[in-house]
N, C-alpha and C. Protein backbone atom coordinates (compact mmCIF):
# COMPACT_ATOMS: atom_id res chain seq x y z
N MET A 1 -4.17 -12.29 40.73
CA MET A 1 -4.23 -11.24 39.72
C MET A 1 -2.79 -10.59 39.37
N LYS A 2 -2.60 -10.56 38.09
CA LYS A 2 -1.36 -10.01 37.57
C LYS A 2 -1.24 -8.59 37.60
N LYS A 3 -0.17 -7.82 38.03
CA LYS A 3 0.01 -6.46 38.08
C LYS A 3 0.84 -6.13 36.65
N GLN A 4 0.11 -5.09 36.01
CA GLN A 4 0.82 -4.64 34.70
C GLN A 4 1.90 -3.56 34.90
N GLY A 5 2.94 -3.66 34.33
CA GLY A 5 4.09 -2.78 34.67
C GLY A 5 3.99 -1.57 33.79
N MET A 6 4.76 -0.63 34.18
CA MET A 6 4.80 0.67 33.47
C MET A 6 5.37 0.50 32.09
N ARG A 7 4.54 1.09 31.09
CA ARG A 7 5.11 0.96 29.82
C ARG A 7 6.04 2.10 29.40
N ARG A 8 7.06 1.73 28.56
CA ARG A 8 8.24 2.58 28.17
C ARG A 8 7.50 3.64 27.46
N GLN A 9 8.04 5.00 27.66
CA GLN A 9 7.58 6.20 26.76
C GLN A 9 8.82 6.91 26.31
N LEU A 10 8.71 7.28 25.12
CA LEU A 10 10.04 8.00 24.47
C LEU A 10 9.50 9.25 23.74
N LEU A 11 10.39 10.35 23.71
CA LEU A 11 10.00 11.50 23.12
C LEU A 11 10.81 11.64 21.74
N GLY A 12 10.15 11.96 20.77
CA GLY A 12 10.83 11.99 19.37
C GLY A 12 10.21 12.94 18.40
N THR A 13 10.66 12.96 17.24
CA THR A 13 10.39 13.81 16.19
C THR A 13 9.87 12.98 14.91
N ILE A 14 8.76 13.43 14.32
CA ILE A 14 8.17 12.47 13.25
C ILE A 14 8.88 12.99 11.90
N VAL A 15 9.58 11.90 11.22
CA VAL A 15 10.35 11.89 10.16
C VAL A 15 9.52 11.52 8.81
N SER A 16 8.42 10.74 9.13
CA SER A 16 7.71 10.38 7.86
C SER A 16 6.26 10.02 8.17
N ASN A 17 5.25 10.46 7.43
CA ASN A 17 3.79 10.12 7.65
C ASN A 17 3.21 9.76 6.50
N LYS A 18 3.93 9.20 5.46
CA LYS A 18 3.42 8.83 4.24
C LYS A 18 2.34 7.62 4.27
N MET A 19 2.50 6.82 5.34
CA MET A 19 1.69 5.55 5.47
C MET A 19 0.32 5.94 6.11
N ASP A 20 -0.68 5.11 5.95
CA ASP A 20 -1.87 5.37 6.44
C ASP A 20 -1.85 4.80 7.86
N LYS A 21 -2.32 5.66 8.99
CA LYS A 21 -2.43 5.51 10.37
C LYS A 21 -0.96 5.12 10.85
N THR A 22 0.16 5.45 10.31
CA THR A 22 1.50 5.18 10.71
C THR A 22 2.30 6.18 10.44
N VAL A 23 3.27 6.54 11.45
CA VAL A 23 4.26 7.61 11.30
C VAL A 23 5.61 6.93 11.84
N VAL A 24 6.68 7.48 11.36
CA VAL A 24 7.89 6.93 11.78
C VAL A 24 8.62 8.20 12.60
N VAL A 25 8.91 7.73 13.87
CA VAL A 25 9.35 8.74 14.83
C VAL A 25 10.87 8.29 15.08
N MET A 26 11.62 9.44 15.00
CA MET A 26 13.12 9.27 15.31
C MET A 26 13.34 9.84 16.76
N VAL A 27 14.05 8.80 17.53
CA VAL A 27 14.23 9.23 18.93
C VAL A 27 15.81 9.33 18.92
N GLU A 28 16.37 10.58 19.57
CA GLU A 28 17.57 10.86 19.81
C GLU A 28 18.01 10.61 21.32
N ARG A 29 19.29 9.91 21.62
CA ARG A 29 19.75 9.78 22.93
C ARG A 29 21.27 10.08 22.86
N MET A 30 21.78 10.45 24.05
CA MET A 30 23.06 10.86 24.32
C MET A 30 23.70 9.53 24.91
N VAL A 31 24.78 9.03 24.56
CA VAL A 31 25.46 8.02 25.09
C VAL A 31 26.82 8.36 25.28
N LYS A 32 27.56 7.97 26.46
CA LYS A 32 28.90 8.27 26.70
C LYS A 32 29.72 7.38 26.07
N HIS A 33 30.80 7.67 25.24
CA HIS A 33 31.77 6.78 24.65
C HIS A 33 32.69 6.35 25.60
N LYS A 34 32.87 4.85 25.54
CA LYS A 34 33.67 4.13 26.69
C LYS A 34 35.13 4.57 26.71
N PHE A 35 35.70 4.83 25.50
CA PHE A 35 37.12 5.13 25.52
C PHE A 35 37.33 6.64 25.66
N TYR A 36 36.59 7.43 24.83
CA TYR A 36 36.82 8.84 24.70
C TYR A 36 36.26 9.71 25.87
N HIS A 37 35.37 9.07 26.61
CA HIS A 37 34.42 9.71 27.54
C HIS A 37 33.67 11.04 27.05
N LYS A 38 33.28 10.96 25.81
CA LYS A 38 32.66 12.07 25.11
C LYS A 38 31.16 11.61 24.90
N TYR A 39 30.20 12.50 24.98
CA TYR A 39 28.85 12.20 24.65
C TYR A 39 28.64 12.23 23.15
N VAL A 40 28.03 11.09 22.72
CA VAL A 40 27.83 10.76 21.32
C VAL A 40 26.23 10.72 21.18
N ARG A 41 25.59 11.25 20.10
CA ARG A 41 24.38 11.29 19.55
C ARG A 41 24.03 10.03 18.92
N ARG A 42 22.92 9.30 19.51
CA ARG A 42 22.41 8.01 18.82
C ARG A 42 21.01 8.11 18.47
N ARG A 43 20.69 7.56 17.25
CA ARG A 43 19.30 7.78 16.83
C ARG A 43 18.69 6.41 16.66
N SER A 44 17.41 6.26 16.82
CA SER A 44 16.50 5.17 16.60
C SER A 44 15.33 5.48 15.91
N LYS A 45 14.80 4.77 14.87
CA LYS A 45 13.69 4.98 14.26
C LYS A 45 12.47 4.01 14.71
N PHE A 46 11.40 4.49 15.25
CA PHE A 46 10.10 3.56 15.55
C PHE A 46 9.11 3.81 14.72
N SER A 47 8.50 2.88 14.14
CA SER A 47 7.20 2.98 13.56
C SER A 47 6.04 3.01 14.60
N SER A 48 5.15 3.94 14.58
CA SER A 48 4.33 4.15 15.50
C SER A 48 2.88 4.35 14.91
N HIS A 49 1.90 3.82 15.75
CA HIS A 49 0.46 4.07 15.37
C HIS A 49 -0.08 5.22 15.50
N ASP A 50 -0.69 5.92 14.56
CA ASP A 50 -1.31 7.23 14.58
C ASP A 50 -2.84 7.02 14.08
N GLU A 51 -3.68 6.81 15.00
CA GLU A 51 -5.08 6.53 14.73
C GLU A 51 -5.89 7.48 13.68
N ASN A 52 -5.67 8.68 14.10
CA ASN A 52 -6.48 9.88 13.44
C ASN A 52 -5.63 10.49 12.34
N ASN A 53 -4.39 9.93 11.95
CA ASN A 53 -3.57 10.68 10.97
C ASN A 53 -3.29 12.10 11.23
N ALA A 54 -3.14 12.51 12.54
CA ALA A 54 -3.17 13.88 13.04
C ALA A 54 -1.57 14.41 13.03
N CYS A 55 -0.70 13.65 12.90
CA CYS A 55 0.76 14.09 12.99
C CYS A 55 1.33 14.53 11.57
N GLN A 56 2.02 15.51 11.70
CA GLN A 56 2.68 16.06 10.45
C GLN A 56 4.28 15.82 10.76
N ILE A 57 5.11 15.85 9.82
CA ILE A 57 6.59 15.90 9.77
C ILE A 57 6.98 16.93 10.47
N GLY A 58 7.80 16.72 11.47
CA GLY A 58 8.48 17.80 12.30
C GLY A 58 7.83 17.91 13.65
N ASP A 59 6.73 17.24 13.84
CA ASP A 59 5.86 17.40 15.09
C ASP A 59 6.90 16.54 16.33
N LYS A 60 6.85 17.19 17.50
CA LYS A 60 7.49 16.39 18.58
C LYS A 60 6.34 15.49 19.22
N VAL A 61 6.53 14.30 19.58
CA VAL A 61 5.58 13.39 19.97
C VAL A 61 5.97 12.56 21.04
N LEU A 62 5.01 12.02 21.87
CA LEU A 62 5.36 11.11 23.03
C LEU A 62 4.74 9.90 22.55
N ILE A 63 5.69 8.74 22.53
CA ILE A 63 5.13 7.45 22.05
C ILE A 63 5.22 6.53 23.10
N THR A 64 4.26 5.61 23.21
CA THR A 64 4.17 4.61 24.36
C THR A 64 4.15 3.16 23.81
N GLU A 65 4.90 2.38 24.49
CA GLU A 65 5.04 1.02 24.05
C GLU A 65 3.67 0.23 24.13
N SER A 66 3.46 -0.51 23.21
CA SER A 66 2.11 -1.23 23.10
C SER A 66 2.28 -2.75 22.70
N ARG A 67 1.26 -3.38 22.52
CA ARG A 67 1.39 -4.75 21.96
C ARG A 67 1.56 -4.73 20.62
N PRO A 68 2.08 -5.80 19.92
CA PRO A 68 2.33 -5.70 18.34
C PRO A 68 1.09 -5.35 17.66
N LEU A 69 1.24 -4.28 16.84
CA LEU A 69 0.03 -3.99 15.95
C LEU A 69 0.15 -4.45 14.52
N SER A 70 1.48 -4.58 14.15
CA SER A 70 1.81 -5.16 12.82
C SER A 70 3.07 -5.65 12.72
N ARG A 71 3.61 -6.01 11.67
CA ARG A 71 5.03 -6.47 11.59
C ARG A 71 6.01 -5.60 12.23
N SER A 72 6.00 -4.39 12.05
CA SER A 72 6.94 -3.32 12.49
C SER A 72 6.45 -2.45 13.57
N LYS A 73 5.12 -2.28 13.80
CA LYS A 73 4.69 -1.50 14.85
C LYS A 73 4.51 -1.90 16.08
N ARG A 74 5.21 -1.40 17.07
CA ARG A 74 5.02 -1.77 18.62
C ARG A 74 4.85 -0.67 19.43
N TRP A 75 4.59 0.50 18.76
CA TRP A 75 4.49 1.74 19.60
C TRP A 75 3.12 2.52 19.08
N ARG A 76 2.52 3.39 19.94
CA ARG A 76 1.49 4.25 19.60
C ARG A 76 1.96 5.64 20.08
N VAL A 77 1.31 6.61 19.18
CA VAL A 77 1.70 8.03 19.59
C VAL A 77 0.50 8.31 20.50
N SER A 78 0.99 8.65 21.74
CA SER A 78 0.07 9.11 22.82
C SER A 78 -0.17 10.55 23.04
N LYS A 79 0.74 11.34 22.58
CA LYS A 79 0.49 12.84 22.71
C LYS A 79 1.32 13.50 21.62
N ILE A 80 0.74 14.70 21.15
CA ILE A 80 1.56 15.57 20.29
C ILE A 80 1.94 16.62 21.26
N VAL A 81 3.34 16.75 21.52
CA VAL A 81 3.87 17.63 22.52
C VAL A 81 4.01 19.07 21.83
N GLN A 82 4.40 19.10 20.65
CA GLN A 82 4.67 20.44 19.90
C GLN A 82 4.33 20.21 18.41
N LYS A 83 3.60 21.03 17.83
CA LYS A 83 3.29 20.92 16.46
C LYS A 83 4.45 21.57 15.68
N ALA A 84 4.78 21.05 14.47
CA ALA A 84 5.86 21.66 13.56
C ALA A 84 5.31 23.11 13.03
N ILE A 85 6.14 24.08 12.82
CA ILE A 85 5.88 25.33 12.39
C ILE A 85 5.68 25.34 10.95
């Protein structure tokens, strides 16, 4: 029997919800610069599956890694942490 590992989870903000059942989530992380030893903000965008179209632009969400759902979607929205005002 094969054990399934922990799936990655990321916290990000929704920047687009124009597609059906899909949202674009921007995840920010801080990386230390090799030469200047200063922390730099890096951003990545992930297409995520939103089954009920519940997410709005500005919401903070937790996304979880999943099997490929389409050409660009490999993540699912698992929880809405904070709704946009």
